[in-house]
Every structure is written in C-alpha cells, then in structure tokens.
Amino acid sequence: MKPNGGSKKRRGKTENQKRIINSESITKLLEKEQSPLVIRKTNILGFPLYVALICDYDLCDLDTVICDAIDVAIAKNENYSQNVQTLRVFVGTMCDFIIHYYDNMRRGCVEGAAVIFYADKTFVSSLFGDFMTHGMCRFELYQALNFMTQV
C-alpha cells in the first residue's frame, strides 16, 4: 500500500478537460477569467443613463459603443421621451445593440448587460443574462447604482 492511501495523483488534464478547454467554448469554466461588473454613467441625453456589463472582452471602446447604441435607439424611436412604452423600447434597443456588438467580437463574452434610464421621474431598465437570472447579480447592480447616486 502506498503512503498516500493507494491513490495516484493526476498531474495532467483528463480527456474531458482537454475536450472542454479550447478557443471555441462559450463558457470557459475551467479557465475562467475575471468578469467584473462595470457600470458607466452618461448624461448625453440630459438624464442619467447607466450601462452595466459583465463581460470577458476588452471594454476600452465602451464609451463609443454606448454613443453608437444611443444613436441607433434614437433613430429607431425618435420620440423616446413621450411615454413609458417608448422609453422601454429605447433602453431595449440600446441593450440589444451592446450585446450584439460584443457578441460579434467574441461569441458568448457578455454574461450580463443592463441599460438603466432615469427620465422624467421614471426608472426604466432592460436587463439581460445574469442580471435577469441571478438575484445576487441584480442585487449587486442595484447596490452599486445606489452607491453611485450618493457619491
């Protein structure tokens, strides 16, 4: 009997691990990188607009993407401040644009996205991914927003 109880330590990766780790996998659970929550606030439209992302991709161009998303949402819905439904369409269009932009860069890199708009005493949000399905992600988002508005 071996001193360690007869078990062998595996030093290499198992066949299943070798098959899962590759550049084509979507979730990359075994080689997971940090995916921090990033919240960007802008007042381009005269009201606070927050964009939150949990993403594995480089976000150096986030400001440009947000501006492009605003342009696309305005082009689709020119009277975005007329009523609540048009505000919902506006933030939904922005959220879809941002998700598709980063998904085209690297498939599956956006784990969560949120666009939150506070206009005319109306809070409207469009949530995607982890913000929709995980209560703790949504809680972290709203706590961070609460903190940001008091700083």
Protein backbone atom coordinates (compact mmCIF):
# COMPACT_ATOMS: atom_id res chain seq x y z
CA MET A 1 0.00 0.00 0.00
CA LYS A 2 1.24 3.44 -0.86
CA PRO A 3 1.67 6.04 1.89
CA ASN A 4 -0.99 8.31 0.41
CA GLY A 5 -3.70 5.67 0.66
CA GLY A 6 -3.06 4.00 -2.68
CA SER A 7 -4.41 6.78 -4.86
CA LYS A 8 -2.41 8.25 -7.69
CA LYS A 9 -2.25 11.99 -8.17
CA ARG A 10 -3.10 13.05 -11.67
CA ARG A 11 -0.71 15.61 -12.98
CA GLY A 12 -2.14 16.01 -16.47
CA LYS A 13 -5.57 17.03 -17.60
CA THR A 14 -8.21 14.36 -18.08
CA GLU A 15 -9.58 13.71 -21.54
CA ASN A 16 -12.82 15.52 -20.69
CA GLN A 17 -10.91 18.61 -19.57
CA LYS A 18 -8.84 18.56 -22.76
CA ARG A 19 -12.02 18.49 -24.84
CA ILE A 20 -13.69 21.33 -22.93
CA ILE A 21 -10.75 23.77 -22.95
CA ASN A 22 -10.45 25.26 -26.41
CA SER A 23 -10.96 28.56 -28.15
CA GLU A 24 -14.46 27.61 -29.30
CA SER A 25 -16.05 27.02 -25.88
CA ILE A 26 -18.57 29.60 -24.80
CA THR A 27 -18.43 29.46 -21.01
CA LYS A 28 -14.75 28.65 -20.36
CA LEU A 29 -15.49 27.40 -16.84
CA LEU A 30 -12.13 25.71 -16.38
CA GLU A 31 -10.01 28.65 -17.48
CA LYS A 32 -12.36 31.38 -16.30
CA GLU A 33 -11.02 34.91 -16.36
CA GLN A 34 -12.27 37.67 -14.12
CA SER A 35 -15.51 39.17 -15.36
CA PRO A 36 -16.04 42.24 -13.21
CA LEU A 37 -19.19 44.29 -13.15
CA VAL A 38 -18.60 47.58 -14.98
CA ILE A 39 -21.09 50.44 -14.77
CA ARG A 40 -20.77 53.51 -16.97
CA LYS A 41 -22.91 56.60 -16.39
CA THR A 42 -23.62 59.17 -19.06
CA ASN A 43 -25.79 62.27 -19.24
CA ILE A 44 -25.71 62.66 -23.02
CA LEU A 45 -29.49 62.88 -23.26
CA GLY A 46 -29.91 65.23 -20.29
CA PHE A 47 -30.97 62.44 -17.93
CA PRO A 48 -28.84 59.83 -16.14
CA LEU A 49 -28.26 56.75 -18.29
CA TYR A 50 -26.39 53.79 -16.81
CA VAL A 51 -24.92 50.91 -18.80
CA ALA A 52 -23.76 47.88 -16.82
CA LEU A 53 -21.84 44.92 -18.23
CA ILE A 54 -20.41 41.67 -17.01
CA CYS A 55 -18.14 40.85 -19.91
CA ASP A 56 -14.93 38.91 -20.63
CA TYR A 57 -13.98 41.14 -23.56
CA ASP A 58 -11.88 44.31 -23.60
CA LEU A 59 -14.13 47.30 -22.86
CA CYS A 60 -11.77 50.08 -23.99
CA ASP A 61 -14.31 51.18 -26.60
CA LEU A 62 -17.32 51.13 -24.24
CA ASP A 63 -17.97 54.89 -24.49
CA THR A 64 -18.04 54.72 -28.29
CA VAL A 65 -20.34 51.68 -28.19
CA ILE A 66 -22.71 53.49 -25.81
CA CYS A 67 -22.82 56.54 -28.10
CA ASP A 68 -23.49 54.31 -31.12
CA ALA A 69 -26.22 52.46 -29.19
CA ILE A 70 -27.86 55.78 -28.30
CA ASP A 71 -27.74 56.84 -31.97
CA VAL A 72 -29.33 53.57 -33.09
CA ALA A 73 -32.02 53.76 -30.39
CA ILE A 74 -32.87 57.37 -31.30
CA ALA A 75 -33.02 56.50 -35.00
CA LYS A 76 -35.40 53.64 -34.24
CA ASN A 77 -37.54 55.62 -31.83
CA GLU A 78 -37.23 59.39 -32.33
CA ASN A 79 -39.83 60.33 -29.70
CA TYR A 80 -38.22 58.29 -26.93
CA SER A 81 -39.39 60.55 -24.10
CA GLN A 82 -43.08 60.74 -25.00
CA ASN A 83 -44.32 57.86 -22.85
CA VAL A 84 -43.21 54.86 -20.82
CA GLN A 85 -43.52 52.37 -23.68
CA THR A 86 -41.19 54.37 -25.94
CA LEU A 87 -38.67 54.57 -23.09
CA ARG A 88 -38.86 50.76 -22.76
CA VAL A 89 -38.22 50.35 -26.48
CA PHE A 90 -35.37 52.84 -26.26
CA VAL A 91 -33.47 51.01 -23.49
CA GLY A 92 -34.26 47.61 -25.03
CA THR A 93 -32.79 48.71 -28.36
CA MET A 94 -29.67 50.00 -26.62
CA CYS A 95 -29.23 46.79 -24.64
CA ASP A 96 -29.62 44.63 -27.75
CA PHE A 97 -27.12 46.75 -29.67
CA ILE A 98 -24.47 46.49 -26.94
CA ILE A 99 -24.95 42.73 -26.54
CA HIS A 100 -24.70 42.12 -30.30
CA TYR A 101 -21.67 44.38 -30.64
CA TYR A 102 -19.60 42.49 -28.06
CA ASP A 103 -21.02 39.12 -29.12
CA ASN A 104 -19.68 39.81 -32.63
CA MET A 105 -16.24 40.48 -31.14
CA ARG A 106 -16.20 37.20 -29.21
CA ARG A 107 -19.17 34.90 -29.02
CA GLY A 108 -20.65 34.49 -25.56
CA CYS A 109 -18.43 37.02 -23.80
CA VAL A 110 -21.34 39.07 -22.41
CA GLU A 111 -22.60 37.36 -19.27
CA GLY A 112 -24.86 40.19 -18.24
CA ALA A 113 -25.97 43.55 -19.61
CA ALA A 114 -28.22 46.27 -18.28
CA VAL A 115 -29.31 49.65 -19.56
CA ILE A 116 -30.97 51.81 -16.94
CA PHE A 117 -32.50 55.17 -17.80
CA TYR A 118 -33.98 57.64 -15.33
CA ALA A 119 -36.01 60.21 -17.26
CA ASP A 120 -38.89 62.41 -16.16
CA LYS A 121 -39.10 60.70 -12.75
CA THR A 122 -39.37 57.32 -14.48
CA PHE A 123 -36.91 54.47 -13.92
CA VAL A 124 -36.77 52.15 -16.94
CA SER A 125 -34.38 49.24 -17.33
CA SER A 126 -33.56 46.49 -19.78
CA LEU A 127 -31.71 43.52 -18.27
CA PHE A 128 -30.00 40.57 -19.96
CA GLY A 129 -28.24 37.41 -18.82
CA ASP A 130 -27.00 37.20 -15.23
CA PHE A 131 -28.92 40.33 -14.25
CA MET A 132 -32.14 38.58 -15.26
CA THR A 133 -31.46 35.13 -13.87
CA HIS A 134 -29.33 35.65 -10.75
CA GLY A 135 -30.80 37.64 -7.91
CA MET A 136 -27.41 38.36 -6.37
CA CYS A 137 -26.09 39.90 -9.62
CA ARG A 138 -29.16 42.10 -9.79
CA PHE A 139 -28.73 42.98 -6.10
CA GLU A 140 -25.06 43.91 -6.68
CA LEU A 141 -26.06 46.06 -9.65
CA TYR A 142 -28.72 47.98 -7.74
CA GLN A 143 -26.47 48.40 -4.70
CA ALA A 144 -23.70 49.81 -6.90
CA LEU A 145 -26.21 52.17 -8.56
CA ASN A 146 -27.42 53.27 -5.14
CA PHE A 147 -23.83 53.97 -4.12
CA MET A 148 -23.06 55.83 -7.37
CA THR A 149 -26.01 58.19 -6.97
CA GLN A 150 -24.88 59.20 -3.47
CA VAL A 151 -21.22 59.91 -4.25
